[in-house]
């Protein structure tokens, strides 16, 4: 198993920045790929960004050029740097990861709230 714990959410004004962290309870060498998703009130959960063990990244069109996903294997942590935030980025942000040692079983964190005021 692996536990994923998100942190770094909060309230920020439009145009501001936040960095989200997702700390894993075990080496993320075995958690691949990892990603960030978000869910706004009344909407379905959607992809924000993913990153593989080799460092390949993928982003939703709505965040390209503003958000950056990265992973630090030494700290067993995945980050989401969010710049130029917009009110429409307001959502609960969730981290997930596929555990290689459990045939790719998908794990989710509990989420962290991001609120962007206009």
PDB file of N, CA and C in Angstrom:
ATOM      1  N   UNK A   1       0.826  -1.194   0.000  1.00  0.00           N
ATOM      2  CA  UNK A   1       0.000   0.000   0.000  1.00  0.00           C
ATOM      3  C   UNK A   1       0.863   1.247   0.000  1.00  0.00           C
ATOM      4  N   UNK A   2       0.223   2.354  -0.304  1.00  0.00           N
ATOM      5  CA  UNK A   2       0.898   3.642  -0.215  1.00  0.00           C
ATOM      6  C   UNK A   2      -0.146   4.670   0.217  1.00  0.00           C
ATOM      7  N   UNK A   3       0.264   5.537   1.125  1.00  0.00           N
ATOM      8  CA  UNK A   3      -0.581   6.658   1.517  1.00  0.00           C
ATOM      9  C   UNK A   3      -0.044   7.917   0.852  1.00  0.00           C
ATOM     10  N   UNK A   4      -0.955   8.716   0.352  1.00  0.00           N
ATOM     11  CA  UNK A   4      -0.606   9.972  -0.299  1.00  0.00           C
ATOM     12  C   UNK A   4      -1.261  11.109   0.482  1.00  0.00           C
ATOM     13  N   UNK A   5      -0.469  12.080   0.872  1.00  0.00           N
ATOM     14  CA  UNK A   5      -0.970  13.190   1.674  1.00  0.00           C
ATOM     15  C   UNK A   5      -0.639  14.508   0.984  1.00  0.00           C
ATOM     16  N   UNK A   6      -1.693  15.227   0.620  1.00  0.00           N
ATOM     17  CA  UNK A   6      -1.511  16.517  -0.044  1.00  0.00           C
ATOM     18  C   UNK A   6      -1.422  17.648   0.984  1.00  0.00           C
ATOM     19  N   UNK A   7      -0.727  18.699   0.602  1.00  0.00           N
ATOM     20  CA  UNK A   7      -0.655  19.909   1.419  1.00  0.00           C
ATOM     21  C   UNK A   7      -0.348  21.087   0.507  1.00  0.00           C
ATOM     22  N   UNK A   8      -0.498  22.289   1.069  1.00  0.00           N
ATOM     23  CA  UNK A   8      -0.140  23.484   0.330  1.00  0.00           C
ATOM     24  C   UNK A   8      -1.305  24.272  -0.236  1.00  0.00           C
ATOM     25  N   UNK A   9      -2.508  23.752  -0.089  1.00  0.00           N
ATOM     26  CA  UNK A   9      -3.660  24.496  -0.590  1.00  0.00           C
ATOM     27  C   UNK A   9      -3.938  25.726   0.260  1.00  0.00           C
ATOM     28  N   UNK A  10      -4.860  26.545  -0.222  1.00  0.00           N
ATOM     29  CA  UNK A  10      -5.215  27.739   0.526  1.00  0.00           C
ATOM     30  C   UNK A  10      -5.971  28.727  -0.331  1.00  0.00           C
ATOM     31  N   UNK A  11      -6.071  29.943   0.188  1.00  0.00           N
ATOM     32  CA  UNK A  11      -6.761  31.032  -0.499  1.00  0.00           C
ATOM     33  C   UNK A  11      -5.727  31.979  -1.089  1.00  0.00           C
ATOM     34  N   UNK A  12      -5.887  32.296  -2.362  1.00  0.00           N
ATOM     35  CA  UNK A  12      -4.942  33.182  -3.042  1.00  0.00           C
ATOM     36  C   UNK A  12      -5.716  34.076  -4.006  1.00  0.00           C
ATOM     37  N   UNK A  13      -5.207  35.251  -4.252  1.00  0.00           N
ATOM     38  CA  UNK A  13      -5.831  36.146  -5.212  1.00  0.00           C
ATOM     39  C   UNK A  13      -5.480  35.738  -6.641  1.00  0.00           C
ATOM     40  N   UNK A  14      -6.354  36.105  -7.558  1.00  0.00           N
ATOM     41  CA  UNK A  14      -6.076  35.839  -8.964  1.00  0.00           C
ATOM     42  C   UNK A  14      -4.732  36.426  -9.361  1.00  0.00           C
ATOM     43  N   UNK A  15      -3.975  35.652 -10.123  1.00  0.00           N
ATOM     44  CA  UNK A  15      -2.641  36.065 -10.518  1.00  0.00           C
ATOM     45  C   UNK A  15      -1.550  35.574  -9.586  1.00  0.00           C
ATOM     46  N   UNK A  16      -1.950  35.048  -8.453  1.00  0.00           N
ATOM     47  CA  UNK A  16      -0.984  34.571  -7.471  1.00  0.00           C
ATOM     48  C   UNK A  16      -0.510  33.156  -7.752  1.00  0.00           C
ATOM     49  N   UNK A  17       0.274  32.638  -6.812  1.00  0.00           N
ATOM     50  CA  UNK A  17       0.884  31.315  -6.971  1.00  0.00           C
ATOM     51  C   UNK A  17       0.703  30.480  -5.713  1.00  0.00           C
ATOM     52  N   UNK A  18       0.684  29.185  -5.913  1.00  0.00           N
ATOM     53  CA  UNK A  18       0.693  28.220  -4.817  1.00  0.00           C
ATOM     54  C   UNK A  18       1.523  27.015  -5.257  1.00  0.00           C
ATOM     55  N   UNK A  19       2.109  26.321  -4.288  1.00  0.00           N
ATOM     56  CA  UNK A  19       2.764  25.072  -4.586  1.00  0.00           C
ATOM     57  C   UNK A  19       2.150  23.971  -3.736  1.00  0.00           C
ATOM     58  N   UNK A  20       1.603  22.993  -4.406  1.00  0.00           N
ATOM     59  CA  UNK A  20       1.029  21.844  -3.719  1.00  0.00           C
ATOM     60  C   UNK A  20       2.074  20.742  -3.612  1.00  0.00           C
ATOM     61  N   UNK A  21       2.015  20.010  -2.509  1.00  0.00           N
ATOM     62  CA  UNK A  21       2.898  18.874  -2.292  1.00  0.00           C
ATOM     63  C   UNK A  21       2.080  17.613  -2.067  1.00  0.00           C
ATOM     64  N   UNK A  22       2.594  16.507  -2.534  1.00  0.00           N
ATOM     65  CA  UNK A  22       1.976  15.199  -2.310  1.00  0.00           C
ATOM     66  C   UNK A  22       3.065  14.278  -1.785  1.00  0.00           C
ATOM     67  N   UNK A  23       3.005  13.985  -0.494  1.00  0.00           N
ATOM     68  CA  UNK A  23       4.003  13.148   0.149  1.00  0.00           C
ATOM     69  C   UNK A  23       3.533  11.701   0.185  1.00  0.00           C
ATOM     70  N   UNK A  24       4.371  10.804  -0.293  1.00  0.00           N
ATOM     71  CA  UNK A  24       4.048   9.380  -0.302  1.00  0.00           C
ATOM     72  C   UNK A  24       4.683   8.677   0.893  1.00  0.00           C
ATOM     73  N   UNK A  25       4.035   7.624   1.346  1.00  0.00           N
ATOM     74  CA  UNK A  25       4.503   6.901   2.533  1.00  0.00           C
ATOM     75  C   UNK A  25       5.592   5.887   2.208  1.00  0.00           C
ATOM     76  N   UNK A  26       5.901   5.740   0.938  1.00  0.00           N
ATOM     77  CA  UNK A  26       6.966   4.843   0.524  1.00  0.00           C
ATOM     78  C   UNK A  26       7.647   5.430  -0.696  1.00  0.00           C
ATOM     79  N   UNK A  27       8.719   4.797  -1.109  1.00  0.00           N
ATOM     80  CA  UNK A  27       9.486   5.301  -2.240  1.00  0.00           C
ATOM     81  C   UNK A  27       8.611   5.450  -3.480  1.00  0.00           C
ATOM     82  N   UNK A  28       8.670   6.636  -4.066  1.00  0.00           N
ATOM     83  CA  UNK A  28       7.870   6.856  -5.276  1.00  0.00           C
ATOM     84  C   UNK A  28       8.491   6.206  -6.499  1.00  0.00           C
ATOM     85  N   UNK A  29       9.634   5.551  -6.304  1.00  0.00           N
ATOM     86  CA  UNK A  29      10.189   4.734  -7.391  1.00  0.00           C
ATOM     87  C   UNK A  29       9.170   3.681  -7.795  1.00  0.00           C
ATOM     88  N   UNK A  30       8.370   3.239  -6.805  1.00  0.00           N
ATOM     89  CA  UNK A  30       7.385   2.201  -7.050  1.00  0.00           C
ATOM     90  C   UNK A  30       5.992   2.762  -7.357  1.00  0.00           C
ATOM     91  N   UNK A  31       5.873   4.061  -7.453  1.00  0.00           N
ATOM     92  CA  UNK A  31       4.576   4.689  -7.714  1.00  0.00           C
ATOM     93  C   UNK A  31       4.689   5.432  -9.045  1.00  0.00           C
ATOM     94  N   UNK A  32       4.128   4.840 -10.078  1.00  0.00           N
ATOM     95  CA  UNK A  32       4.355   5.372 -11.415  1.00  0.00           C
ATOM     96  C   UNK A  32       3.224   5.002 -12.361  1.00  0.00           C
ATOM     97  N   UNK A  33       2.622   5.979 -13.056  1.00  0.00           N
ATOM     98  CA  UNK A  33       2.857   7.406 -12.903  1.00  0.00           C
ATOM     99  C   UNK A  33       2.137   8.002 -11.697  1.00  0.00           C
ATOM    100  N   UNK A  34       2.411   9.259 -11.434  1.00  0.00           N
ATOM    101  CA  UNK A  34       1.700  10.021 -10.418  1.00  0.00           C
ATOM    102  C   UNK A  34       1.063  11.242 -11.073  1.00  0.00           C
ATOM    103  N   UNK A  35       0.022  11.737 -10.440  1.00  0.00           N
ATOM    104  CA  UNK A  35      -0.674  12.845 -11.080  1.00  0.00           C
ATOM    105  C   UNK A  35      -1.448  13.706 -10.110  1.00  0.00           C
ATOM    106  N   UNK A  36      -1.884  14.829 -10.617  1.00  0.00           N
ATOM    107  CA  UNK A  36      -2.770  15.736  -9.899  1.00  0.00           C
ATOM    108  C   UNK A  36      -4.076  15.855 -10.675  1.00  0.00           C
ATOM    109  N   UNK A  37      -5.164  15.769  -9.956  1.00  0.00           N
ATOM    110  CA  UNK A  37      -6.502  15.961 -10.503  1.00  0.00           C
ATOM    111  C   UNK A  37      -7.201  17.013  -9.656  1.00  0.00           C
ATOM    112  N   UNK A  38      -8.275  17.554 -10.173  1.00  0.00           N
ATOM    113  CA  UNK A  38      -9.037  18.514  -9.383  1.00  0.00           C
ATOM    114  C   UNK A  38     -10.531  18.342  -9.626  1.00  0.00           C
ATOM    115  N   UNK A  39     -11.292  18.773  -8.643  1.00  0.00           N
ATOM    116  CA  UNK A  39     -12.749  18.692  -8.741  1.00  0.00           C
ATOM    117  C   UNK A  39     -13.360  19.958  -8.174  1.00  0.00           C
ATOM    118  N   UNK A  40     -14.031  20.689  -9.031  1.00  0.00           N
ATOM    119  CA  UNK A  40     -14.734  21.897  -8.623  1.00  0.00           C
ATOM    120  C   UNK A  40     -16.166  21.533  -8.229  1.00  0.00           C
ATOM    121  N   UNK A  41     -16.812  22.349  -7.421  1.00  0.00           N
ATOM    122  CA  UNK A  41     -18.186  22.062  -7.002  1.00  0.00           C
ATOM    123  C   UNK A  41     -19.114  21.846  -8.194  1.00  0.00           C
ATOM    124  N   UNK A  42     -19.839  20.745  -8.174  1.00  0.00           N
ATOM    125  CA  UNK A  42     -20.793  20.458  -9.235  1.00  0.00           C
ATOM    126  C   UNK A  42     -20.191  19.943 -10.526  1.00  0.00           C
ATOM    127  N   UNK A  43     -18.887  19.708 -10.509  1.00  0.00           N
ATOM    128  CA  UNK A  43     -18.217  19.227 -11.717  1.00  0.00           C
ATOM    129  C   UNK A  43     -17.526  17.893 -11.460  1.00  0.00           C
ATOM    130  N   UNK A  44     -17.200  17.208 -12.538  1.00  0.00           N
ATOM    131  CA  UNK A  44     -16.490  15.951 -12.425  1.00  0.00           C
ATOM    132  C   UNK A  44     -15.002  16.203 -12.158  1.00  0.00           C
ATOM    133  N   UNK A  45     -14.369  15.201 -11.562  1.00  0.00           N
ATOM    134  CA  UNK A  45     -12.928  15.283 -11.340  1.00  0.00           C
ATOM    135  C   UNK A  45     -12.220  15.274 -12.695  1.00  0.00           C
ATOM    136  N   UNK A  46     -11.224  16.142 -12.833  1.00  0.00           N
ATOM    137  CA  UNK A  46     -10.531  16.243 -14.109  1.00  0.00           C
ATOM    138  C   UNK A  46      -9.024  16.202 -13.923  1.00  0.00           C
ATOM    139  N   UNK A  47      -8.360  15.762 -14.969  1.00  0.00           N
ATOM    140  CA  UNK A  47      -6.904  15.702 -14.972  1.00  0.00           C
ATOM    141  C   UNK A  47      -6.319  17.107 -14.967  1.00  0.00           C
ATOM    142  N   UNK A  48      -5.274  17.279 -14.165  1.00  0.00           N
ATOM    143  CA  UNK A  48      -4.496  18.521 -14.197  1.00  0.00           C
ATOM    144  C   UNK A  48      -3.139  18.247 -14.833  1.00  0.00           C
ATOM    145  N   UNK A  49      -2.414  17.287 -14.277  1.00  0.00           N
ATOM    146  CA  UNK A  49      -1.087  16.971 -14.788  1.00  0.00           C
ATOM    147  C   UNK A  49      -0.658  15.607 -14.278  1.00  0.00           C
ATOM    148  N   UNK A  50       0.195  14.944 -15.074  1.00  0.00           N
ATOM    149  CA  UNK A  50       0.777  13.671 -14.653  1.00  0.00           C
ATOM    150  C   UNK A  50       2.276  13.689 -14.918  1.00  0.00           C
ATOM    151  N   UNK A  51       2.982  12.816 -14.196  1.00  0.00           N
ATOM    152  CA  UNK A  51       4.418  12.694 -14.387  1.00  0.00           C
ATOM    153  C   UNK A  51       4.814  11.243 -14.196  1.00  0.00           C
ATOM    154  N   UNK A  52       5.705  10.765 -15.056  1.00  0.00           N
ATOM    155  CA  UNK A  52       6.186   9.401 -14.945  1.00  0.00           C
ATOM    156  C   UNK A  52       7.503   9.357 -14.184  1.00  0.00           C
ATOM    157  N   UNK A  53       7.933   8.140 -13.890  1.00  0.00           N
ATOM    158  CA  UNK A  53       9.194   7.950 -13.181  1.00  0.00           C
ATOM    159  C   UNK A  53      10.375   8.493 -13.984  1.00  0.00           C
ATOM    160  N   UNK A  54      10.241   8.441 -15.293  1.00  0.00           N
ATOM    161  CA  UNK A  54      11.315   8.936 -16.159  1.00  0.00           C
ATOM    162  C   UNK A  54      11.262  10.445 -16.350  1.00  0.00           C
ATOM    163  N   UNK A  55      10.211  11.071 -15.820  1.00  0.00           N
ATOM    164  CA  UNK A  55      10.120  12.525 -15.898  1.00  0.00           C
ATOM    165  C   UNK A  55       9.232  13.060 -17.008  1.00  0.00           C
ATOM    166  N   UNK A  56       8.592  12.185 -17.749  1.00  0.00           N
ATOM    167  CA  UNK A  56       7.678  12.646 -18.792  1.00  0.00           C
ATOM    168  C   UNK A  56       6.435  13.245 -18.150  1.00  0.00           C
ATOM    169  N   UNK A  57       6.007  14.368 -18.687  1.00  0.00           N
ATOM    170  CA  UNK A  57       4.864  15.079 -18.113  1.00  0.00           C
ATOM    171  C   UNK A  57       3.744  15.252 -19.140  1.00  0.00           C
ATOM    172  N   UNK A  58       2.561  15.449 -18.599  1.00  0.00           N
ATOM    173  CA  UNK A  58       1.381  15.683 -19.427  1.00  0.00           C
ATOM    174  C   UNK A  58       0.499  16.670 -18.681  1.00  0.00           C
ATOM    175  N   UNK A  59      -0.076  17.639 -19.405  1.00  0.00           N
ATOM    176  CA  UNK A  59      -0.876  18.680 -18.765  1.00  0.00           C
ATOM    177  C   UNK A  59      -2.214  18.851 -19.474  1.00  0.00           C
ATOM    178  N   UNK A  60      -3.206  19.224 -18.694  1.00  0.00           N
ATOM    179  CA  UNK A  60      -4.460  19.652 -19.287  1.00  0.00           C
ATOM    180  C   UNK A  60      -4.221  20.965 -20.029  1.00  0.00           C
ATOM    181  N   UNK A  61      -4.943  21.156 -21.113  1.00  0.00           N
ATOM    182  CA  UNK A  61      -4.762  22.375 -21.909  1.00  0.00           C
ATOM    183  C   UNK A  61      -5.002  23.630 -21.069  1.00  0.00           C
ATOM    184  N   UNK A  62      -5.914  23.540 -20.127  1.00  0.00           N
ATOM    185  CA  UNK A  62      -6.293  24.710 -19.336  1.00  0.00           C
ATOM    186  C   UNK A  62      -5.184  25.192 -18.395  1.00  0.00           C
ATOM    187  N   UNK A  63      -4.175  24.353 -18.144  1.00  0.00           N
ATOM    188  CA  UNK A  63      -3.123  24.746 -17.206  1.00  0.00           C
ATOM    189  C   UNK A  63      -1.755  24.829 -17.857  1.00  0.00           C
ATOM    190  N   UNK A  64      -1.654  24.448 -19.119  1.00  0.00           N
ATOM    191  CA  UNK A  64      -0.354  24.491 -19.800  1.00  0.00           C
ATOM    192  C   UNK A  64       0.232  25.893 -19.764  1.00  0.00           C
ATOM    193  N   UNK A  65       1.518  25.942 -19.438  1.00  0.00           N
ATOM    194  CA  UNK A  65       2.188  27.224 -19.374  1.00  0.00           C
ATOM    195  C   UNK A  65       2.049  27.932 -18.040  1.00  0.00           C
ATOM    196  N   UNK A  66       1.137  27.441 -17.178  1.00  0.00           N
ATOM    197  CA  UNK A  66       0.941  28.060 -15.862  1.00  0.00           C
ATOM    198  C   UNK A  66       1.319  27.113 -14.715  1.00  0.00           C
ATOM    199  N   UNK A  67       1.075  25.838 -14.895  1.00  0.00           N
ATOM    200  CA  UNK A  67       1.348  24.843 -13.846  1.00  0.00           C
ATOM    201  C   UNK A  67       2.535  23.981 -14.246  1.00  0.00           C
ATOM    202  N   UNK A  68       3.289  23.533 -13.244  1.00  0.00           N
ATOM    203  CA  UNK A  68       4.415  22.639 -13.482  1.00  0.00           C
ATOM    204  C   UNK A  68       4.381  21.512 -12.458  1.00  0.00           C
ATOM    205  N   UNK A  69       4.399  20.281 -12.943  1.00  0.00           N
ATOM    206  CA  UNK A  69       4.466  19.123 -12.064  1.00  0.00           C
ATOM    207  C   UNK A  69       5.904  18.633 -12.002  1.00  0.00           C
ATOM    208  N   UNK A  70       6.324  18.203 -10.817  1.00  0.00           N
ATOM    209  CA  UNK A  70       7.679  17.683 -10.658  1.00  0.00           C
ATOM    210  C   UNK A  70       7.669  16.640  -9.554  1.00  0.00           C
ATOM    211  N   UNK A  71       8.730  15.838  -9.509  1.00  0.00           N
ATOM    212  CA  UNK A  71       8.834  14.831  -8.468  1.00  0.00           C
ATOM    213  C   UNK A  71      10.242  14.803  -7.902  1.00  0.00           C
ATOM    214  N   UNK A  72      10.330  14.621  -6.582  1.00  0.00           N
ATOM    215  CA  UNK A  72      11.595  14.548  -5.870  1.00  0.00           C
ATOM    216  C   UNK A  72      11.663  13.170  -5.221  1.00  0.00           C
ATOM    217  N   UNK A  73      12.425  12.285  -5.832  1.00  0.00           N
ATOM    218  CA  UNK A  73      12.482  10.909  -5.339  1.00  0.00           C
ATOM    219  C   UNK A  73      13.119  10.825  -3.956  1.00  0.00           C
ATOM    220  N   UNK A  74      14.055  11.709  -3.663  1.00  0.00           N
ATOM    221  CA  UNK A  74      14.721  11.688  -2.362  1.00  0.00           C
ATOM    222  C   UNK A  74      13.741  12.013  -1.235  1.00  0.00           C
ATOM    223  N   UNK A  75      12.732  12.816  -1.550  1.00  0.00           N
ATOM    224  CA  UNK A  75      11.741  13.205  -0.545  1.00  0.00           C
ATOM    225  C   UNK A  75      10.421  12.457  -0.707  1.00  0.00           C
ATOM    226  N   UNK A  76      10.358  11.575  -1.691  1.00  0.00           N
ATOM    227  CA  UNK A  76       9.123  10.825  -1.964  1.00  0.00           C
ATOM    228  C   UNK A  76       7.927  11.759  -2.118  1.00  0.00           C
ATOM    229  N   UNK A  77       8.133  12.808  -2.853  1.00  0.00           N
ATOM    230  CA  UNK A  77       7.123  13.853  -2.962  1.00  0.00           C
ATOM    231  C   UNK A  77       6.964  14.305  -4.412  1.00  0.00           C
ATOM    232  N   UNK A  78       5.722  14.565  -4.766  1.00  0.00           N
ATOM    233  CA  UNK A  78       5.397  15.163  -6.060  1.00  0.00           C
ATOM    234  C   UNK A  78       4.825  16.544  -5.797  1.00  0.00           C
ATOM    235  N   UNK A  79       5.212  17.487  -6.632  1.00  0.00           N
ATOM    236  CA  UNK A  79       4.789  18.882  -6.455  1.00  0.00           C
ATOM    237  C   UNK A  79       3.954  19.349  -7.643  1.00  0.00           C
ATOM    238  N   UNK A  80       3.145  20.342  -7.381  1.00  0.00           N
ATOM    239  CA  UNK A  80       2.432  21.046  -8.443  1.00  0.00           C
ATOM    240  C   UNK A  80       2.598  22.533  -8.187  1.00  0.00           C
ATOM    241  N   UNK A  81       3.447  23.152  -8.973  1.00  0.00           N
ATOM    242  CA  UNK A  81       3.633  24.602  -8.892  1.00  0.00           C
ATOM    243  C   UNK A  81       2.587  25.267  -9.757  1.00  0.00           C
ATOM    244  N   UNK A  82       1.782  26.120  -9.156  1.00  0.00           N
ATOM    245  CA  UNK A  82       0.684  26.771  -9.868  1.00  0.00           C
ATOM    246  C   UNK A  82       0.919  28.272  -9.874  1.00  0.00           C
ATOM    247  N   UNK A  83       1.096  28.826 -11.048  1.00  0.00           N
ATOM    248  CA  UNK A  83       1.305  30.257 -11.226  1.00  0.00           C
ATOM    249  C   UNK A  83       0.153  30.864 -12.015  1.00  0.00           C
ATOM    250  N   UNK A  84       0.057  32.166 -11.958  1.00  0.00           N
ATOM    251  CA  UNK A  84      -0.988  32.889 -12.695  1.00  0.00           C
ATOM    252  C   UNK A  84      -2.364  32.271 -12.456  1.00  0.00           C
ATOM    253  N   UNK A  85      -2.675  32.054 -11.217  1.00  0.00           N
ATOM    254  CA  UNK A  85      -3.917  31.385 -10.873  1.00  0.00           C
ATOM    255  C   UNK A  85      -5.136  32.220 -11.260  1.00  0.00           C
ATOM    256  N   UNK A  86      -6.181  31.499 -11.643  1.00  0.00           N
ATOM    257  CA  UNK A  86      -7.429  32.119 -12.067  1.00  0.00           C
ATOM    258  C   UNK A  86      -8.565  31.624 -11.166  1.00  0.00           C
ATOM    259  N   UNK A  87      -9.643  32.374 -11.041  1.00  0.00           N
ATOM    260  CA  UNK A  87     -10.775  31.900 -10.233  1.00  0.00           C
ATOM    261  C   UNK A  87     -11.275  30.526 -10.673  1.00  0.00           C
ATOM    262  N   UNK A  88     -11.186  30.236 -11.953  1.00  0.00           N
ATOM    263  CA  UNK A  88     -11.655  28.925 -12.441  1.00  0.00           C
ATOM    264  C   UNK A  88     -10.743  27.770 -12.038  1.00  0.00           C
ATOM    265  N   UNK A  89      -9.610  28.074 -11.423  1.00  0.00           N
ATOM    266  CA  UNK A  89      -8.738  27.022 -10.871  1.00  0.00           C
ATOM    267  C   UNK A  89      -9.213  26.574  -9.490  1.00  0.00           C
ATOM    268  N   UNK A  90     -10.198  27.254  -8.947  1.00  0.00           N
ATOM    269  CA  UNK A  90     -10.726  26.889  -7.636  1.00  0.00           C
ATOM    270  C   UNK A  90     -11.298  25.487  -7.658  1.00  0.00           C
ATOM    271  N   UNK A  91     -10.796  24.639  -6.759  1.00  0.00           N
ATOM    272  CA  UNK A  91     -11.209  23.246  -6.718  1.00  0.00           C
ATOM    273  C   UNK A  91     -10.515  22.546  -5.558  1.00  0.00           C
ATOM    274  N   UNK A  92     -10.936  21.321  -5.309  1.00  0.00           N
ATOM    275  CA  UNK A  92     -10.164  20.441  -4.437  1.00  0.00           C
ATOM    276  C   UNK A  92      -9.177  19.704  -5.334  1.00  0.00           C
ATOM    277  N   UNK A  93      -7.918  19.760  -4.972  1.00  0.00           N
ATOM    278  CA  UNK A  93      -6.871  19.126  -5.760  1.00  0.00           C
ATOM    279  C   UNK A  93      -6.466  17.807  -5.102  1.00  0.00           C
ATOM    280  N   UNK A  94      -6.441  16.767  -5.907  1.00  0.00           N
ATOM    281  CA  UNK A  94      -6.114  15.431  -5.438  1.00  0.00           C
ATOM    282  C   UNK A  94      -4.853  14.907  -6.121  1.00  0.00           C
ATOM    283  N   UNK A  95      -4.054  14.211  -5.341  1.00  0.00           N
ATOM    284  CA  UNK A  95      -2.879  13.519  -5.850  1.00  0.00           C
ATOM    285  C   UNK A  95      -3.243  12.049  -6.031  1.00  0.00           C
ATOM    286  N   UNK A  96      -2.700  11.427  -7.064  1.00  0.00           N
ATOM    287  CA  UNK A  96      -2.869   9.984  -7.184  1.00  0.00           C
ATOM    288  C   UNK A  96      -1.607   9.336  -7.705  1.00  0.00           C
ATOM    289  N   UNK A  97      -1.572   8.022  -7.590  1.00  0.00           N
ATOM    290  CA  UNK A  97      -0.420   7.283  -8.073  1.00  0.00           C
ATOM    291  C   UNK A  97      -0.740   5.811  -8.253  1.00  0.00           C
ATOM    292  N   UNK A  98      -0.070   5.207  -9.218  1.00  0.00           N
ATOM    293  CA  UNK A  98      -0.239   3.786  -9.496  1.00  0.00           C
ATOM    294  C   UNK A  98       0.912   3.023  -8.846  1.00  0.00           C
ATOM    295  N   UNK A  99       0.582   2.072  -7.968  1.00  0.00           N
ATOM    296  CA  UNK A  99       1.608   1.329  -7.244  1.00  0.00           C
ATOM    297  C   UNK A  99       2.051   0.127  -8.064  1.00  0.00           C
ATOM    298  N   UNK A 100       3.286   0.187  -8.502  1.00  0.00           N
ATOM    299  CA  UNK A 100       3.805  -0.851  -9.400  1.00  0.00           C
ATOM    300  C   UNK A 100       3.759  -2.221  -8.744  1.00  0.00           C
ATOM    301  N   UNK A 101       4.060  -2.283  -7.450  1.00  0.00           N
ATOM    302  CA  UNK A 101       4.130  -3.562  -6.755  1.00  0.00           C
ATOM    303  C   UNK A 101       2.765  -4.182  -6.506  1.00  0.00           C
ATOM    304  N   UNK A 102       1.706  -3.453  -6.833  1.00  0.00           N
ATOM    305  CA  UNK A 102       0.351  -3.989  -6.719  1.00  0.00           C
ATOM    306  C   UNK A 102      -0.342  -3.926  -8.076  1.00  0.00           C
ATOM    307  N   UNK A 103       0.436  -4.256  -9.108  1.00  0.00           N
ATOM    308  CA  UNK A 103      -0.104  -4.315 -10.469  1.00  0.00           C
ATOM    309  C   UNK A 103      -0.767  -3.017 -10.892  1.00  0.00           C
ATOM    310  N   UNK A 104      -0.193  -1.926 -10.457  1.00  0.00           N
ATOM    311  CA  UNK A 104      -0.703  -0.648 -10.900  1.00  0.00           C
ATOM    312  C   UNK A 104      -1.937  -0.156 -10.182  1.00  0.00           C
ATOM    313  N   UNK A 105      -2.238  -0.736  -9.034  1.00  0.00           N
ATOM    314  CA  UNK A 105      -3.410  -0.294  -8.273  1.00  0.00           C
ATOM    315  C   UNK A 105      -3.327   1.200  -8.031  1.00  0.00           C
ATOM    316  N   UNK A 106      -4.456   1.883  -8.209  1.00  0.00           N
ATOM    317  CA  UNK A 106      -4.495   3.337  -8.106  1.00  0.00           C
ATOM    318  C   UNK A 106      -4.847   3.776  -6.688  1.00  0.00           C
ATOM    319  N   UNK A 107      -4.035   4.676  -6.166  1.00  0.00           N
ATOM    320  CA  UNK A 107      -4.281   5.259  -4.852  1.00  0.00           C
ATOM    321  C   UNK A 107      -4.512   6.751  -4.982  1.00  0.00           C
ATOM    322  N   UNK A 108      -5.356   7.280  -4.080  1.00  0.00           N
ATOM    323  CA  UNK A 108      -5.674   8.704  -4.060  1.00  0.00           C
ATOM    324  C   UNK A 108      -5.381   9.293  -2.684  1.00  0.00           C
ATOM    325  N   UNK A 109      -5.016  10.565  -2.686  1.00  0.00           N
ATOM    326  CA  UNK A 109      -4.934  11.286  -1.431  1.00  0.00           C
ATOM    327  C   UNK A 109      -6.300  11.845  -1.063  1.00  0.00           C
ATOM    328  N   UNK A 110      -6.354  12.569   0.067  1.00  0.00           N
ATOM    329  CA  UNK A 110      -7.620  13.100   0.562  1.00  0.00           C
ATOM    330  C   UNK A 110      -7.989  14.431  -0.062  1.00  0.00           C
ATOM    331  N   UNK A 111      -7.046  15.077  -0.670  1.00  0.00           N
ATOM    332  CA  UNK A 111      -7.324  16.337  -1.344  1.00  0.00           C
ATOM    333  C   UNK A 111      -6.961  17.548  -0.520  1.00  0.00           C
ATOM    334  N   UNK A 112      -6.708  18.646  -1.213  1.00  0.00           N
ATOM    335  CA  UNK A 112      -6.441  19.929  -0.568  1.00  0.00           C
ATOM    336  C   UNK A 112      -7.178  21.017  -1.331  1.00  0.00           C
ATOM    337  N   UNK A 113      -7.807  21.914  -0.592  1.00  0.00           N
ATOM    338  CA  UNK A 113      -8.637  22.943  -1.218  1.00  0.00           C
ATOM    339  C   UNK A 113      -7.791  24.107  -1.720  1.00  0.00           C
ATOM    340  N   UNK A 114      -8.049  24.500  -2.946  1.00  0.00           N
ATOM    341  CA  UNK A 114      -7.442  25.702  -3.525  1.00  0.00           C
ATOM    342  C   UNK A 114      -8.573  26.647  -3.904  1.00  0.00           C
ATOM    343  N   UNK A 115      -8.525  27.860  -3.377  1.00  0.00           N
ATOM    344  CA  UNK A 115      -9.535  28.860  -3.678  1.00  0.00           C
ATOM    345  C   UNK A 115      -8.847  30.103  -4.227  1.00  0.00           C
ATOM    346  N   UNK A 116      -9.260  30.513  -5.420  1.00  0.00           N
ATOM    347  CA  UNK A 116      -8.682  31.684  -6.063  1.00  0.00           C
ATOM    348  C   UNK A 116      -9.745  32.771  -6.129  1.00  0.00           C
ATOM    349  N   UNK A 117      -9.481  33.877  -5.468  1.00  0.00           N
ATOM    350  CA  UNK A 117     -10.445  34.974  -5.444  1.00  0.00           C
ATOM    351  C   UNK A 117     -10.164  35.952  -6.582  1.00  0.00           C
ATOM    352  N   UNK A 118     -11.222  36.563  -7.069  1.00  0.00           N
ATOM    353  CA  UNK A 118     -11.070  37.508  -8.186  1.00  0.00           C
ATOM    354  C   UNK A 118     -10.833  38.913  -7.698  1.00  0.00           C
TER     355      UNK A 118
END
